[in-house]
Amino acid sequence: MELLKDDSGMSTVEYAIGTLAAAAFGGLLYVLLTSDFMRKLMEGLIQRALSSV
């Protein structure tokens, strides 16, 4: 039962999970931002912004 009370490695596991989550989120953002849909959306927004000035 002494093993269940020892949580000395918990912070390492928490950092590893946080790092994996951040990397997965970064990968998802990269895929979304480099997609053709997002490129067309951004071009449309920029063209509308510049044409209204």
PDB file of N, CA and C in Angstrom:
ATOM      1  N   MET A   1       0.815  -1.200   0.000  1.00  0.00           N
ATOM      2  CA  MET A   1       0.000   0.000   0.000  1.00  0.00           C
ATOM      3  C   MET A   1       0.858   1.264   0.000  1.00  0.00           C
ATOM      4  N   GLU A   2       2.110   1.134   0.334  1.00  0.00           N
ATOM      5  CA  GLU A   2       2.987   2.298   0.359  1.00  0.00           C
ATOM      6  C   GLU A   2       3.193   2.867  -1.055  1.00  0.00           C
ATOM      7  N   LEU A   3       3.139   2.017  -2.067  1.00  0.00           N
ATOM      8  CA  LEU A   3       3.314   2.491  -3.441  1.00  0.00           C
ATOM      9  C   LEU A   3       2.190   3.420  -3.872  1.00  0.00           C
ATOM     10  N   LEU A   4       0.997   3.217  -3.374  1.00  0.00           N
ATOM     11  CA  LEU A   4      -0.134   4.048  -3.752  1.00  0.00           C
ATOM     12  C   LEU A   4      -0.055   5.447  -3.148  1.00  0.00           C
ATOM     13  N   LYS A   5       0.669   5.596  -2.057  1.00  0.00           N
ATOM     14  CA  LYS A   5       0.771   6.897  -1.392  1.00  0.00           C
ATOM     15  C   LYS A   5       1.883   7.764  -1.974  1.00  0.00           C
ATOM     16  N   ASP A   6       2.821   7.160  -2.681  1.00  0.00           N
ATOM     17  CA  ASP A   6       3.959   7.907  -3.214  1.00  0.00           C
ATOM     18  C   ASP A   6       3.585   8.513  -4.564  1.00  0.00           C
ATOM     19  N   ASP A   7       3.600   9.838  -4.663  1.00  0.00           N
ATOM     20  CA  ASP A   7       3.279  10.507  -5.923  1.00  0.00           C
ATOM     21  C   ASP A   7       4.438  11.380  -6.404  1.00  0.00           C
ATOM     22  N   SER A   8       5.663  10.929  -6.154  1.00  0.00           N
ATOM     23  CA  SER A   8       6.827  11.740  -6.499  1.00  0.00           C
ATOM     24  C   SER A   8       7.011  11.886  -8.011  1.00  0.00           C
ATOM     25  N   GLY A   9       6.494  10.975  -8.814  1.00  0.00           N
ATOM     26  CA  GLY A   9       6.642  11.070 -10.260  1.00  0.00           C
ATOM     27  C   GLY A   9       5.462  11.710 -10.957  1.00  0.00           C
ATOM     28  N   MET A  10       4.500  12.190 -10.206  1.00  0.00           N
ATOM     29  CA  MET A  10       3.289  12.727 -10.819  1.00  0.00           C
ATOM     30  C   MET A  10       3.555  13.978 -11.650  1.00  0.00           C
ATOM     31  N   SER A  11       4.420  14.846 -11.190  1.00  0.00           N
ATOM     32  CA  SER A  11       4.645  16.075 -11.951  1.00  0.00           C
ATOM     33  C   SER A  11       5.272  15.762 -13.308  1.00  0.00           C
ATOM     34  N   THR A  12       6.130  14.759 -13.375  1.00  0.00           N
ATOM     35  CA  THR A  12       6.738  14.381 -14.647  1.00  0.00           C
ATOM     36  C   THR A  12       5.681  13.883 -15.620  1.00  0.00           C
ATOM     37  N   VAL A  13       4.763  13.070 -15.136  1.00  0.00           N
ATOM     38  CA  VAL A  13       3.689  12.557 -15.987  1.00  0.00           C
ATOM     39  C   VAL A  13       2.785  13.702 -16.433  1.00  0.00           C
ATOM     40  N   GLU A  14       2.487  14.614 -15.546  1.00  0.00           N
ATOM     41  CA  GLU A  14       1.634  15.746 -15.898  1.00  0.00           C
ATOM     42  C   GLU A  14       2.298  16.630 -16.948  1.00  0.00           C
ATOM     43  N   TYR A  15       3.593  16.861 -16.817  1.00  0.00           N
ATOM     44  CA  TYR A  15       4.305  17.644 -17.825  1.00  0.00           C
ATOM     45  C   TYR A  15       4.315  16.920 -19.168  1.00  0.00           C
ATOM     46  N   ALA A  16       4.492  15.616 -19.157  1.00  0.00           N
ATOM     47  CA  ALA A  16       4.506  14.839 -20.402  1.00  0.00           C
ATOM     48  C   ALA A  16       3.148  14.904 -21.092  1.00  0.00           C
ATOM     49  N   ILE A  17       2.078  14.768 -20.339  1.00  0.00           N
ATOM     50  CA  ILE A  17       0.736  14.843 -20.922  1.00  0.00           C
ATOM     51  C   ILE A  17       0.471  16.249 -21.459  1.00  0.00           C
ATOM     52  N   GLY A  18       0.874  17.261 -20.719  1.00  0.00           N
ATOM     53  CA  GLY A  18       0.709  18.638 -21.186  1.00  0.00           C
ATOM     54  C   GLY A  18       1.503  18.914 -22.453  1.00  0.00           C
ATOM     55  N   THR A  19       2.712  18.383 -22.528  1.00  0.00           N
ATOM     56  CA  THR A  19       3.538  18.556 -23.721  1.00  0.00           C
ATOM     57  C   THR A  19       2.915  17.863 -24.923  1.00  0.00           C
ATOM     58  N   LEU A  20       2.414  16.651 -24.721  1.00  0.00           N
ATOM     59  CA  LEU A  20       1.751  15.934 -25.817  1.00  0.00           C
ATOM     60  C   LEU A  20       0.499  16.667 -26.283  1.00  0.00           C
ATOM     61  N   ALA A  21      -0.268  17.201 -25.343  1.00  0.00           N
ATOM     62  CA  ALA A  21      -1.477  17.941 -25.707  1.00  0.00           C
ATOM     63  C   ALA A  21      -1.122  19.206 -26.487  1.00  0.00           C
ATOM     64  N   ALA A  22      -0.080  19.911 -26.061  1.00  0.00           N
ATOM     65  CA  ALA A  22       0.338  21.124 -26.766  1.00  0.00           C
ATOM     66  C   ALA A  22       0.835  20.798 -28.173  1.00  0.00           C
ATOM     67  N   ALA A  23       1.576  19.710 -28.315  1.00  0.00           N
ATOM     68  CA  ALA A  23       2.066  19.311 -29.636  1.00  0.00           C
ATOM     69  C   ALA A  23       0.908  18.913 -30.548  1.00  0.00           C
ATOM     70  N   ALA A  24      -0.069  18.206 -30.000  1.00  0.00           N
ATOM     71  CA  ALA A  24      -1.236  17.814 -30.799  1.00  0.00           C
ATOM     72  C   ALA A  24      -2.034  19.042 -31.224  1.00  0.00           C
ATOM     73  N   PHE A  25      -2.202  19.995 -30.322  1.00  0.00           N
ATOM     74  CA  PHE A  25      -2.919  21.228 -30.649  1.00  0.00           C
ATOM     75  C   PHE A  25      -2.167  22.023 -31.713  1.00  0.00           C
ATOM     76  N   GLY A  26      -0.850  22.087 -31.596  1.00  0.00           N
ATOM     77  CA  GLY A  26      -0.043  22.769 -32.606  1.00  0.00           C
ATOM     78  C   GLY A  26      -0.157  22.101 -33.966  1.00  0.00           C
ATOM     79  N   GLY A  27      -0.163  20.778 -33.985  1.00  0.00           N
ATOM     80  CA  GLY A  27      -0.332  20.052 -35.242  1.00  0.00           C
ATOM     81  C   GLY A  27      -1.686  20.310 -35.867  1.00  0.00           C
ATOM     82  N   LEU A  28      -2.711  20.341 -35.038  1.00  0.00           N
ATOM     83  CA  LEU A  28      -4.058  20.624 -35.534  1.00  0.00           C
ATOM     84  C   LEU A  28      -4.144  22.036 -36.111  1.00  0.00           C
ATOM     85  N   LEU A  29      -3.570  23.005 -35.414  1.00  0.00           N
ATOM     86  CA  LEU A  29      -3.555  24.380 -35.933  1.00  0.00           C
ATOM     87  C   LEU A  29      -2.806  24.470 -37.254  1.00  0.00           C
ATOM     88  N   TYR A  30      -1.692  23.769 -37.356  1.00  0.00           N
ATOM     89  CA  TYR A  30      -0.911  23.784 -38.595  1.00  0.00           C
ATOM     90  C   TYR A  30      -1.735  23.240 -39.758  1.00  0.00           C
ATOM     91  N   VAL A  31      -2.405  22.115 -39.524  1.00  0.00           N
ATOM     92  CA  VAL A  31      -3.225  21.513 -40.584  1.00  0.00           C
ATOM     93  C   VAL A  31      -4.355  22.456 -40.982  1.00  0.00           C
ATOM     94  N   LEU A  32      -4.998  23.065 -39.996  1.00  0.00           N
ATOM     95  CA  LEU A  32      -6.100  23.972 -40.308  1.00  0.00           C
ATOM     96  C   LEU A  32      -5.629  25.220 -41.041  1.00  0.00           C
ATOM     97  N   LEU A  33      -4.547  25.809 -40.571  1.00  0.00           N
ATOM     98  CA  LEU A  33      -4.094  27.077 -41.147  1.00  0.00           C
ATOM     99  C   LEU A  33      -3.447  26.915 -42.511  1.00  0.00           C
ATOM    100  N   THR A  34      -2.969  25.728 -42.839  1.00  0.00           N
ATOM    101  CA  THR A  34      -2.364  25.512 -44.149  1.00  0.00           C
ATOM    102  C   THR A  34      -3.337  24.874 -45.134  1.00  0.00           C
ATOM    103  N   SER A  35      -4.584  24.706 -44.742  1.00  0.00           N
ATOM    104  CA  SER A  35      -5.570  24.097 -45.638  1.00  0.00           C
ATOM    105  C   SER A  35      -6.018  25.107 -46.696  1.00  0.00           C
ATOM    106  N   ASP A  36      -6.514  24.585 -47.800  1.00  0.00           N
ATOM    107  CA  ASP A  36      -6.978  25.429 -48.902  1.00  0.00           C
ATOM    108  C   ASP A  36      -8.183  26.267 -48.475  1.00  0.00           C
ATOM    109  N   PHE A  37      -9.060  25.683 -47.677  1.00  0.00           N
ATOM    110  CA  PHE A  37     -10.236  26.408 -47.186  1.00  0.00           C
ATOM    111  C   PHE A  37      -9.823  27.640 -46.386  1.00  0.00           C
ATOM    112  N   MET A  38      -8.869  27.473 -45.485  1.00  0.00           N
ATOM    113  CA  MET A  38      -8.443  28.590 -44.637  1.00  0.00           C
ATOM    114  C   MET A  38      -7.732  29.656 -45.469  1.00  0.00           C
ATOM    115  N   ARG A  39      -6.956  29.233 -46.468  1.00  0.00           N
ATOM    116  CA  ARG A  39      -6.271  30.199 -47.331  1.00  0.00           C
ATOM    117  C   ARG A  39      -7.289  31.054 -48.084  1.00  0.00           C
ATOM    118  N   LYS A  40      -8.321  30.417 -48.623  1.00  0.00           N
ATOM    119  CA  LYS A  40      -9.354  31.163 -49.345  1.00  0.00           C
ATOM    120  C   LYS A  40     -10.131  32.082 -48.404  1.00  0.00           C
ATOM    121  N   LEU A  41     -10.390  31.611 -47.210  1.00  0.00           N
ATOM    122  CA  LEU A  41     -11.098  32.428 -46.229  1.00  0.00           C
ATOM    123  C   LEU A  41     -10.294  33.674 -45.872  1.00  0.00           C
ATOM    124  N   MET A  42      -9.000  33.504 -45.627  1.00  0.00           N
ATOM    125  CA  MET A  42      -8.152  34.645 -45.280  1.00  0.00           C
ATOM    126  C   MET A  42      -8.012  35.613 -46.456  1.00  0.00           C
ATOM    127  N   GLU A  43      -7.876  35.083 -47.667  1.00  0.00           N
ATOM    128  CA  GLU A  43      -7.796  35.958 -48.841  1.00  0.00           C
ATOM    129  C   GLU A  43      -9.071  36.779 -48.991  1.00  0.00           C
ATOM    130  N   GLY A  44     -10.218  36.153 -48.774  1.00  0.00           N
ATOM    131  CA  GLY A  44     -11.487  36.873 -48.861  1.00  0.00           C
ATOM    132  C   GLY A  44     -11.596  37.965 -47.819  1.00  0.00           C
ATOM    133  N   LEU A  45     -11.173  37.657 -46.597  1.00  0.00           N
ATOM    134  CA  LEU A  45     -11.217  38.666 -45.531  1.00  0.00           C
ATOM    135  C   LEU A  45     -10.303  39.845 -45.838  1.00  0.00           C
ATOM    136  N   ILE A  46      -9.110  39.555 -46.336  1.00  0.00           N
ATOM    137  CA  ILE A  46      -8.160  40.622 -46.650  1.00  0.00           C
ATOM    138  C   ILE A  46      -8.671  41.469 -47.814  1.00  0.00           C
ATOM    139  N   GLN A  47      -9.225  40.815 -48.837  1.00  0.00           N
ATOM    140  CA  GLN A  47      -9.752  41.568 -49.978  1.00  0.00           C
ATOM    141  C   GLN A  47     -10.918  42.458 -49.565  1.00  0.00           C
ATOM    142  N   ARG A  48     -11.798  41.947 -48.705  1.00  0.00           N
ATOM    143  CA  ARG A  48     -12.917  42.779 -48.238  1.00  0.00           C
ATOM    144  C   ARG A  48     -12.418  43.944 -47.403  1.00  0.00           C
ATOM    145  N   ALA A  49     -11.408  43.701 -46.579  1.00  0.00           N
ATOM    146  CA  ALA A  49     -10.877  44.775 -45.739  1.00  0.00           C
ATOM    147  C   ALA A  49     -10.215  45.855 -46.585  1.00  0.00           C
ATOM    148  N   LEU A  50      -9.476  45.447 -47.611  1.00  0.00           N
ATOM    149  CA  LEU A  50      -8.782  46.427 -48.447  1.00  0.00           C
ATOM    150  C   LEU A  50      -9.731  47.153 -49.393  1.00  0.00           C
ATOM    151  N   SER A  51     -10.779  46.499 -49.832  1.00  0.00           N
ATOM    152  CA  SER A  51     -11.703  47.149 -50.761  1.00  0.00           C
ATOM    153  C   SER A  51     -12.644  48.124 -50.052  1.00  0.00           C
ATOM    154  N   SER A  52     -12.805  47.998 -48.761  1.00  0.00           N
ATOM    155  CA  SER A  52     -13.699  48.903 -48.037  1.00  0.00           C
ATOM    156  C   SER A  52     -12.997  50.179 -47.591  1.00  0.00           C
ATOM    157  N   VAL A  53     -11.701  50.259 -47.773  1.00  0.00           N
ATOM    158  CA  VAL A  53     -10.942  51.435 -47.336  1.00  0.00           C
ATOM    159  C   VAL A  53     -10.970  52.505 -48.377  1.00  0.00           C
TER     160      VAL A  53
END
